[in-house]
C-alpha atoms as a PDB file:
ATOM      1  CA  UNK A   1      20.936 -29.654 -21.279  1.00  0.00           C
ATOM      2  CA  UNK A   2      17.145 -29.417 -19.875  1.00  0.00           C
ATOM      3  CA  UNK A   3      14.214 -29.475 -22.456  1.00  0.00           C
ATOM      4  CA  UNK A   4      12.283 -26.339 -22.290  1.00  0.00           C
ATOM      5  CA  UNK A   5       9.222 -28.184 -21.342  1.00  0.00           C
ATOM      6  CA  UNK A   6      11.357 -30.029 -18.540  1.00  0.00           C
ATOM      7  CA  UNK A   7      12.368 -26.366 -17.039  1.00  0.00           C
ATOM      8  CA  UNK A   8       8.861 -25.084 -17.693  1.00  0.00           C
ATOM      9  CA  UNK A   9       7.559 -27.936 -15.678  1.00  0.00           C
ATOM     10  CA  UNK A  10      10.150 -27.230 -12.689  1.00  0.00           C
ATOM     11  CA  UNK A  11       9.801 -25.650  -9.388  1.00  0.00           C
ATOM     12  CA  UNK A  12       9.155 -22.028  -9.384  1.00  0.00           C
ATOM     13  CA  UNK A  13       9.937 -19.718  -7.048  1.00  0.00           C
ATOM     14  CA  UNK A  14       6.545 -17.909  -5.780  1.00  0.00           C
ATOM     15  CA  UNK A  15       7.152 -16.356  -2.375  1.00  0.00           C
ATOM     16  CA  UNK A  16       9.127 -16.549   1.017  1.00  0.00           C
ATOM     17  CA  UNK A  17       6.237 -17.476   2.462  1.00  0.00           C
ATOM     18  CA  UNK A  18       5.945 -20.600   0.667  1.00  0.00           C
ATOM     19  CA  UNK A  19       9.368 -21.707   0.607  1.00  0.00           C
ATOM     20  CA  UNK A  20      10.182 -22.534   4.138  1.00  0.00           C
ATOM     21  CA  UNK A  21      12.390 -19.361   4.696  1.00  0.00           C
ATOM     22  CA  UNK A  22       9.959 -16.588   6.596  1.00  0.00           C
ATOM     23  CA  UNK A  23      11.446 -18.145   9.795  1.00  0.00           C
ATOM     24  CA  UNK A  24      15.161 -18.664  10.294  1.00  0.00           C
ATOM     25  CA  UNK A  25      16.586 -19.438  13.546  1.00  0.00           C
ATOM     26  CA  UNK A  26      20.367 -18.270  14.583  1.00  0.00           C
ATOM     27  CA  UNK A  27      23.306 -20.445  12.828  1.00  0.00           C
ATOM     28  CA  UNK A  28      26.607 -21.012  13.672  1.00  0.00           C
ATOM     29  CA  UNK A  29      28.735 -17.951  12.297  1.00  0.00           C
ATOM     30  CA  UNK A  30      25.949 -15.251  12.369  1.00  0.00           C
ATOM     31  CA  UNK A  31      27.426 -11.721  13.272  1.00  0.00           C
ATOM     32  CA  UNK A  32      26.769 -10.839  16.578  1.00  0.00           C
ATOM     33  CA  UNK A  33      24.280  -7.832  17.149  1.00  0.00           C
ATOM     34  CA  UNK A  34      22.368  -8.531  14.163  1.00  0.00           C
ATOM     35  CA  UNK A  35      19.120 -10.249  13.733  1.00  0.00           C
ATOM     36  CA  UNK A  36      16.318 -10.274  11.133  1.00  0.00           C
ATOM     37  CA  UNK A  37      14.189  -7.989  12.500  1.00  0.00           C
ATOM     38  CA  UNK A  38      17.060  -4.922  12.660  1.00  0.00           C
ATOM     39  CA  UNK A  39      17.512  -6.250   9.133  1.00  0.00           C
ATOM     40  CA  UNK A  40      13.739  -5.545   8.133  1.00  0.00           C
ATOM     41  CA  UNK A  41      13.484  -2.572  10.005  1.00  0.00           C
ATOM     42  CA  UNK A  42      16.466  -1.091   8.463  1.00  0.00           C
ATOM     43  CA  UNK A  43      15.275  -2.290   4.978  1.00  0.00           C
ATOM     44  CA  UNK A  44      11.932  -0.193   5.427  1.00  0.00           C
ATOM     45  CA  UNK A  45      13.766   3.050   6.539  1.00  0.00           C
ATOM     46  CA  UNK A  46      16.190   2.845   3.568  1.00  0.00           C
ATOM     47  CA  UNK A  47      12.762   2.192   1.245  1.00  0.00           C
ATOM     48  CA  UNK A  48      11.161   4.950   2.892  1.00  0.00           C
ATOM     49  CA  UNK A  49      14.159   7.062   2.081  1.00  0.00           C
ATOM     50  CA  UNK A  50      15.006   6.202  -1.278  1.00  0.00           C
ATOM     51  CA  UNK A  51      12.526   3.977  -3.243  1.00  0.00           C
ATOM     52  CA  UNK A  52      12.496   0.502  -4.345  1.00  0.00           C
ATOM     53  CA  UNK A  53      14.703   0.755  -7.685  1.00  0.00           C
ATOM     54  CA  UNK A  54      17.651   2.635  -5.391  1.00  0.00           C
ATOM     55  CA  UNK A  55      17.262   0.070  -2.948  1.00  0.00           C
ATOM     56  CA  UNK A  56      20.326  -2.271  -2.597  1.00  0.00           C
ATOM     57  CA  UNK A  57      21.657  -4.524  -0.324  1.00  0.00           C
ATOM     58  CA  UNK A  58      25.222  -3.162  -0.074  1.00  0.00           C
ATOM     59  CA  UNK A  59      23.318   0.405   0.561  1.00  0.00           C
ATOM     60  CA  UNK A  60      21.161  -1.687   3.718  1.00  0.00           C
ATOM     61  CA  UNK A  61      24.732  -2.986   4.688  1.00  0.00           C
ATOM     62  CA  UNK A  62      26.123   0.428   5.096  1.00  0.00           C
ATOM     63  CA  UNK A  63      22.954   1.476   6.753  1.00  0.00           C
ATOM     64  CA  UNK A  64      23.492  -1.506   9.560  1.00  0.00           C
ATOM     65  CA  UNK A  65      27.527  -0.691   9.513  1.00  0.00           C
ATOM     66  CA  UNK A  66      27.785  -4.826   8.569  1.00  0.00           C
ATOM     67  CA  UNK A  67      29.285  -6.292   5.424  1.00  0.00           C
ATOM     68  CA  UNK A  68      26.773  -6.902   2.456  1.00  0.00           C
ATOM     69  CA  UNK A  69      27.586 -11.144   2.726  1.00  0.00           C
ATOM     70  CA  UNK A  70      26.595 -10.702   6.503  1.00  0.00           C
ATOM     71  CA  UNK A  71      23.155 -10.142   5.426  1.00  0.00           C
ATOM     72  CA  UNK A  72      22.591 -13.515   3.437  1.00  0.00           C
ATOM     73  CA  UNK A  73      22.975 -14.987   7.207  1.00  0.00           C
ATOM     74  CA  UNK A  74      19.465 -14.136   7.323  1.00  0.00           C
ATOM     75  CA  UNK A  75      18.164 -13.628   3.755  1.00  0.00           C
ATOM     76  CA  UNK A  76      18.487 -15.495   0.792  1.00  0.00           C
ATOM     77  CA  UNK A  77      17.965 -12.746  -1.606  1.00  0.00           C
ATOM     78  CA  UNK A  78      16.942  -9.416  -2.107  1.00  0.00           C
ATOM     79  CA  UNK A  79      13.453 -10.394  -2.899  1.00  0.00           C
ATOM     80  CA  UNK A  80      13.029 -12.194   0.213  1.00  0.00           C
ATOM     81  CA  UNK A  81      14.063  -8.988   1.939  1.00  0.00           C
ATOM     82  CA  UNK A  82      11.484  -6.911  -0.004  1.00  0.00           C
ATOM     83  CA  UNK A  83       8.936  -9.482   0.624  1.00  0.00           C
ATOM     84  CA  UNK A  84       9.528  -9.489   4.344  1.00  0.00           C
ATOM     85  CA  UNK A  85       9.543  -5.427   4.226  1.00  0.00           C
ATOM     86  CA  UNK A  86       6.282  -5.422   2.697  1.00  0.00           C
ATOM     87  CA  UNK A  87       4.720  -7.617   5.027  1.00  0.00           C
ATOM     88  CA  UNK A  88       6.195  -5.715   7.891  1.00  0.00           C
ATOM     89  CA  UNK A  89       4.413  -2.469   7.133  1.00  0.00           C
ATOM     90  CA  UNK A  90       1.171  -4.010   7.060  1.00  0.00           C
ATOM     91  CA  UNK A  91       1.467  -4.761  10.634  1.00  0.00           C
ATOM     92  CA  UNK A  92       1.906  -1.118  11.463  1.00  0.00           C
ATOM     93  CA  UNK A  93      -1.715  -0.149  11.794  1.00  0.00           C
ATOM     94  CA  UNK A  94      -4.305  -1.576  13.698  1.00  0.00           C
ATOM     95  CA  UNK A  95      -7.012  -4.038  12.235  1.00  0.00           C
ATOM     96  CA  UNK A  96     -10.583  -4.152  13.317  1.00  0.00           C
ATOM     97  CA  UNK A  97     -10.524  -7.667  14.725  1.00  0.00           C
ATOM     98  CA  UNK A  98     -11.417  -7.293  18.239  1.00  0.00           C
ATOM     99  CA  UNK A  99     -14.463  -4.728  17.173  1.00  0.00           C
ATOM    100  CA  UNK A 100     -15.649  -7.439  14.378  1.00  0.00           C
ATOM    101  CA  UNK A 101     -16.298  -9.843  17.427  1.00  0.00           C
ATOM    102  CA  UNK A 102     -17.962  -7.690  19.625  1.00  0.00           C
ATOM    103  CA  UNK A 103     -21.395  -7.967  19.785  1.00  0.00           C
ATOM    104  CA  UNK A 104     -23.280  -5.623  18.431  1.00  0.00           C
ATOM    105  CA  UNK A 105     -20.144  -5.177  15.988  1.00  0.00           C
ATOM    106  CA  UNK A 106     -19.658  -1.605  14.373  1.00  0.00           C
ATOM    107  CA  UNK A 107     -21.714  -0.835  11.412  1.00  0.00           C
ATOM    108  CA  UNK A 108     -20.049  -2.218   8.259  1.00  0.00           C
ATOM    109  CA  UNK A 109     -19.707   1.361   6.921  1.00  0.00           C
ATOM    110  CA  UNK A 110     -17.644   2.530   9.512  1.00  0.00           C
ATOM    111  CA  UNK A 111     -15.273  -0.576   9.127  1.00  0.00           C
ATOM    112  CA  UNK A 112     -14.855  -0.234   5.849  1.00  0.00           C
ATOM    113  CA  UNK A 113     -14.025   3.368   5.933  1.00  0.00           C
ATOM    114  CA  UNK A 114     -11.428   2.669   8.783  1.00  0.00           C
ATOM    115  CA  UNK A 115      -9.771  -0.093   6.537  1.00  0.00           C
ATOM    116  CA  UNK A 116      -9.639   2.082   3.821  1.00  0.00           C
ATOM    117  CA  UNK A 117      -8.193   5.031   5.341  1.00  0.00           C
ATOM    118  CA  UNK A 118      -5.995   2.711   7.229  1.00  0.00           C
ATOM    119  CA  UNK A 119      -4.534   1.361   3.993  1.00  0.00           C
ATOM    120  CA  UNK A 120      -4.449   5.181   2.226  1.00  0.00           C
ATOM    121  CA  UNK A 121      -2.309   5.933   5.009  1.00  0.00           C
ATOM    122  CA  UNK A 122       0.469   2.871   4.480  1.00  0.00           C
ATOM    123  CA  UNK A 123       0.713   3.796   0.550  1.00  0.00           C
ATOM    124  CA  UNK A 124       1.298   7.221   1.380  1.00  0.00           C
ATOM    125  CA  UNK A 125       3.624   6.953   4.549  1.00  0.00           C
ATOM    126  CA  UNK A 126       5.711   4.104   2.280  1.00  0.00           C
ATOM    127  CA  UNK A 127       4.897   4.993  -1.125  1.00  0.00           C
ATOM    128  CA  UNK A 128       7.235   2.112  -2.510  1.00  0.00           C
ATOM    129  CA  UNK A 129       4.894  -0.688  -1.391  1.00  0.00           C
ATOM    130  CA  UNK A 130       2.262   0.074  -4.380  1.00  0.00           C
ATOM    131  CA  UNK A 131       4.661  -1.320  -6.409  1.00  0.00           C
ATOM    132  CA  UNK A 132       5.776  -4.531  -4.727  1.00  0.00           C
ATOM    133  CA  UNK A 133       2.223  -5.327  -3.778  1.00  0.00           C
ATOM    134  CA  UNK A 134       1.781  -5.964  -7.709  1.00  0.00           C
ATOM    135  CA  UNK A 135       5.437  -7.637  -7.995  1.00  0.00           C
ATOM    136  CA  UNK A 136       5.045 -10.393  -4.827  1.00  0.00           C
ATOM    137  CA  UNK A 137       2.325 -12.627  -3.494  1.00  0.00           C
ATOM    138  CA  UNK A 138       1.964 -10.658  -0.399  1.00  0.00           C
ATOM    139  CA  UNK A 139       0.796 -13.331   1.697  1.00  0.00           C
ATOM    140  CA  UNK A 140       2.591 -12.991   5.017  1.00  0.00           C
ATOM    141  CA  UNK A 141       1.002 -12.414   8.266  1.00  0.00           C
ATOM    142  CA  UNK A 142       0.152  -9.170   8.615  1.00  0.00           C
ATOM    143  CA  UNK A 143      -1.125  -9.030   4.937  1.00  0.00           C
ATOM    144  CA  UNK A 144      -3.168 -11.902   5.410  1.00  0.00           C
ATOM    145  CA  UNK A 145      -4.496 -10.292   8.395  1.00  0.00           C
ATOM    146  CA  UNK A 146      -5.798  -7.040   6.493  1.00  0.00           C
ATOM    147  CA  UNK A 147      -7.344  -9.577   3.861  1.00  0.00           C
ATOM    148  CA  UNK A 148      -9.128 -11.122   5.950  1.00  0.00           C
ATOM    149  CA  UNK A 149     -10.296  -8.188   7.870  1.00  0.00           C
ATOM    150  CA  UNK A 150     -11.288  -6.638   4.267  1.00  0.00           C
ATOM    151  CA  UNK A 151     -13.339 -10.251   3.418  1.00  0.00           C
ATOM    152  CA  UNK A 152     -15.021  -9.851   6.981  1.00  0.00           C
ATOM    153  CA  UNK A 153     -16.478  -6.757   6.516  1.00  0.00           C
ATOM    154  CA  UNK A 154     -17.647  -6.916   3.006  1.00  0.00           C
ATOM    155  CA  UNK A 155     -19.340 -10.205   4.328  1.00  0.00           C
ATOM    156  CA  UNK A 156     -21.098  -8.347   6.800  1.00  0.00           C
ATOM    157  CA  UNK A 157     -22.650  -5.674   4.280  1.00  0.00           C
ATOM    158  CA  UNK A 158     -24.977  -8.390   2.751  1.00  0.00           C
ATOM    159  CA  UNK A 159     -23.821  -8.338  -0.552  1.00  0.00           C
ATOM    160  CA  UNK A 160     -24.302 -11.717  -2.275  1.00  0.00           C
ATOM    161  CA  UNK A 161     -21.467 -14.147  -2.471  1.00  0.00           C
ATOM    162  CA  UNK A 162     -20.927 -13.700  -6.251  1.00  0.00           C
ATOM    163  CA  UNK A 163     -20.282  -9.919  -5.799  1.00  0.00           C
ATOM    164  CA  UNK A 164     -18.224  -9.671  -2.755  1.00  0.00           C
ATOM    165  CA  UNK A 165     -14.889  -9.676  -4.504  1.00  0.00           C
ATOM    166  CA  UNK A 166     -16.474  -7.140  -6.669  1.00  0.00           C
ATOM    167  CA  UNK A 167     -17.259  -4.947  -3.490  1.00  0.00           C
ATOM    168  CA  UNK A 168     -13.257  -5.566  -2.554  1.00  0.00           C
ATOM    169  CA  UNK A 169     -11.984  -4.542  -5.936  1.00  0.00           C
ATOM    170  CA  UNK A 170     -14.165  -1.205  -5.918  1.00  0.00           C
ATOM    171  CA  UNK A 171     -13.354  -0.006  -2.606  1.00  0.00           C
ATOM    172  CA  UNK A 172      -9.963  -1.231  -2.423  1.00  0.00           C
ATOM    173  CA  UNK A 173      -8.448  -0.734  -5.678  1.00  0.00           C
ATOM    174  CA  UNK A 174      -9.915   2.870  -5.836  1.00  0.00           C
ATOM    175  CA  UNK A 175      -7.896   3.280  -2.205  1.00  0.00           C
ATOM    176  CA  UNK A 176      -4.728   1.768  -3.743  1.00  0.00           C
ATOM    177  CA  UNK A 177      -4.969   4.118  -7.219  1.00  0.00           C
ATOM    178  CA  UNK A 178      -5.921   7.058  -4.621  1.00  0.00           C
ATOM    179  CA  UNK A 179      -2.869   6.513  -1.905  1.00  0.00           C
ATOM    180  CA  UNK A 180      -0.187   5.838  -4.450  1.00  0.00           C
ATOM    181  CA  UNK A 181      -0.930   8.816  -6.574  1.00  0.00           C
ATOM    182  CA  UNK A 182      -0.774  10.916  -3.213  1.00  0.00           C
ATOM    183  CA  UNK A 183       2.391   9.136  -2.223  1.00  0.00           C
ATOM    184  CA  UNK A 184       3.964  10.131  -5.185  1.00  0.00           C
ATOM    185  CA  UNK A 185       2.618  13.664  -4.901  1.00  0.00           C
ATOM    186  CA  UNK A 186       4.110  13.758  -1.404  1.00  0.00           C
ATOM    187  CA  UNK A 187       7.413  12.528  -2.667  1.00  0.00           C
ATOM    188  CA  UNK A 188       7.790  15.092  -5.696  1.00  0.00           C
ATOM    189  CA  UNK A 189       6.996  18.120  -3.033  1.00  0.00           C
ATOM    190  CA  UNK A 190       9.857  16.582  -0.664  1.00  0.00           C
ATOM    191  CA  UNK A 191      12.351  16.389  -3.590  1.00  0.00           C
ATOM    192  CA  UNK A 192      11.489  19.778  -4.514  1.00  0.00           C
ATOM    193  CA  UNK A 193      12.062  21.545  -1.170  1.00  0.00           C
ATOM    194  CA  UNK A 194       8.208  22.663  -0.760  1.00  0.00           C
ATOM    195  CA  UNK A 195       4.918  22.174   0.935  1.00  0.00           C
ATOM    196  CA  UNK A 196       2.424  20.612  -1.167  1.00  0.00           C
ATOM    197  CA  UNK A 197       0.425  23.792  -1.034  1.00  0.00           C
ATOM    198  CA  UNK A 198       3.642  25.900  -2.395  1.00  0.00           C
ATOM    199  CA  UNK A 199       3.709  22.802  -4.886  1.00  0.00           C
ATOM    200  CA  UNK A 200       0.780  22.992  -6.103  1.00  0.00           C
ATOM    201  CA  UNK A 201       0.398  26.656  -6.572  1.00  0.00           C
ATOM    202  CA  UNK A 202       3.470  26.816  -8.698  1.00  0.00           C
ATOM    203  CA  UNK A 203       2.303  23.775 -10.754  1.00  0.00           C
ATOM    204  CA  UNK A 204      -1.236  25.272 -11.160  1.00  0.00           C
ATOM    205  CA  UNK A 205       0.449  28.810 -12.194  1.00  0.00           C
ATOM    206  CA  UNK A 206       2.502  27.285 -14.493  1.00  0.00           C
ATOM    207  CA  UNK A 207      -0.217  25.462 -16.350  1.00  0.00           C
ATOM    208  CA  UNK A 208      -2.475  28.567 -16.419  1.00  0.00           C
ATOM    209  CA  UNK A 209       0.348  30.829 -17.874  1.00  0.00           C
ATOM    210  CA  UNK A 210       0.399  28.437 -21.420  1.00  0.00           C
ATOM    211  CA  UNK A 211      -2.463  29.585 -23.600  1.00  0.00           C
ATOM    212  CA  UNK A 212      -2.690  26.251 -25.496  1.00  0.00           C
ATOM    213  CA  UNK A 213      -3.500  24.618 -21.658  1.00  0.00           C
ATOM    214  CA  UNK A 214      -6.263  27.243 -21.176  1.00  0.00           C
ATOM    215  CA  UNK A 215      -9.141  25.610 -22.743  1.00  0.00           C
ATOM    216  CA  UNK A 216      -8.063  22.210 -21.542  1.00  0.00           C
ATOM    217  CA  UNK A 217      -8.074  23.117 -17.813  1.00  0.00           C
ATOM    218  CA  UNK A 218     -10.918  25.745 -17.779  1.00  0.00           C
ATOM    219  CA  UNK A 219     -13.580  23.473 -16.341  1.00  0.00           C
ATOM    220  CA  UNK A 220     -10.573  22.115 -13.984  1.00  0.00           C
ATOM    221  CA  UNK A 221      -9.901  25.463 -12.625  1.00  0.00           C
ATOM    222  CA  UNK A 222     -13.872  25.249 -11.613  1.00  0.00           C
ATOM    223  CA  UNK A 223     -13.595  22.224 -10.020  1.00  0.00           C
ATOM    224  CA  UNK A 224     -10.593  23.397  -8.008  1.00  0.00           C
ATOM    225  CA  UNK A 225     -13.217  26.281  -7.006  1.00  0.00           C
ATOM    226  CA  UNK A 226     -15.987  24.158  -5.968  1.00  0.00           C
ATOM    227  CA  UNK A 227     -13.898  21.949  -4.233  1.00  0.00           C
ATOM    228  CA  UNK A 228     -13.387  24.194  -1.533  1.00  0.00           C
ATOM    229  CA  UNK A 229     -10.834  23.778   1.289  1.00  0.00           C
ATOM    230  CA  UNK A 230      -7.706  26.302   2.086  1.00  0.00           C
ATOM    231  CA  UNK A 231      -5.155  23.606   1.669  1.00  0.00           C
ATOM    232  CA  UNK A 232      -4.042  20.834  -1.047  1.00  0.00           C
ATOM    233  CA  UNK A 233      -4.583  18.094   1.960  1.00  0.00           C
ATOM    234  CA  UNK A 234      -8.172  19.660   2.964  1.00  0.00           C
ATOM    235  CA  UNK A 235      -9.207  18.955  -0.384  1.00  0.00           C
ATOM    236  CA  UNK A 236      -7.597  15.720  -0.597  1.00  0.00           C
ATOM    237  CA  UNK A 237      -9.354  14.559   2.548  1.00  0.00           C
ATOM    238  CA  UNK A 238     -12.696  15.874   0.790  1.00  0.00           C
ATOM    239  CA  UNK A 239     -12.492  14.109  -2.127  1.00  0.00           C
ATOM    240  CA  UNK A 240     -11.671  11.061  -0.214  1.00  0.00           C
ATOM    241  CA  UNK A 241     -14.656  10.866   1.677  1.00  0.00           C
ATOM    242  CA  UNK A 242     -16.687  11.741  -0.964  1.00  0.00           C
ATOM    243  CA  UNK A 243     -15.703   8.979  -3.093  1.00  0.00           C
ATOM    244  CA  UNK A 244     -15.846   6.399  -0.142  1.00  0.00           C
ATOM    245  CA  UNK A 245     -19.335   7.991   0.447  1.00  0.00           C
ATOM    246  CA  UNK A 246     -20.222   6.896  -3.467  1.00  0.00           C
ATOM    247  CA  UNK A 247     -18.892   3.539  -3.465  1.00  0.00           C
ATOM    248  CA  UNK A 248     -20.707   2.789  -0.093  1.00  0.00           C
ATOM    249  CA  UNK A 249     -23.759   4.102  -1.432  1.00  0.00           C
ATOM    250  CA  UNK A 250     -23.258   1.642  -4.194  1.00  0.00           C
ATOM    251  CA  UNK A 251     -22.938  -1.351  -2.314  1.00  0.00           C
ATOM    252  CA  UNK A 252     -26.248  -0.428  -0.493  1.00  0.00           C
ATOM    253  CA  UNK A 253     -27.809  -0.149  -3.813  1.00  0.00           C
ATOM    254  CA  UNK A 254     -26.481  -3.524  -4.795  1.00  0.00           C
ATOM    255  CA  UNK A 255     -27.730  -4.958  -1.439  1.00  0.00           C
ATOM    256  CA  UNK A 256     -31.372  -3.536  -1.900  1.00  0.00           C
ATOM    257  CA  UNK A 257     -31.183  -4.716  -6.154  1.00  0.00           C
ATOM    258  CA  UNK A 258     -30.127  -8.479  -4.456  1.00  0.00           C
ATOM    259  CA  UNK A 259     -32.777  -8.628  -2.171  1.00  0.00           C
ATOM    260  CA  UNK A 260     -34.940  -7.156  -4.611  1.00  0.00           C
END
């Protein structure tokens, strides 16, 4: 029996992108009419419909009208497939790579807002993504292209090198939280068979009928009235835009401080 120290020092699976499994050519005996891209696309559809918790290779096989075992010609494990699906959705929106190389390049504020908006949209369209981002290394080609675009725009802000990752964290961890909550709310509304506005009115109405919540939600009601906007989506857009303005202003202030 291997000692615990030996096991601890042994190889640890880290990522499909590090295990020489990201690319796989056709092997003898593989089913016709099936390939890895089709499997990944179907996996994304199923994840969008049911979420990561209910995802299984058996359900995916049913979706593709194949046997579950045939999927393993193309991926070794469900984890590998989830990691591949995660990277694939990062390739569904354009990155400002050409704009970055242009002369003159767009203002870093415009590029930052564009990347933040694209990331938010990704998290809302695919609510399962937020959980998987923290589960896998997320170092596939599409994910890394997004990461490089984020790093490039943060370099262009003028922040000192030691502060640039803090700038990335401030902006994109905010977007992660905002997009995750928004995506879950959209899912909840869909599950209830209600529009976002109808769900919101029903929830706020139920809370307003409870005297024990009245004091706690008194100030919240004032805030809701001050937010303006006729729909939940309008209010959310205004909140997101204002929050990004605050973060941009914070970056500008820190750049000015660093320059003395």
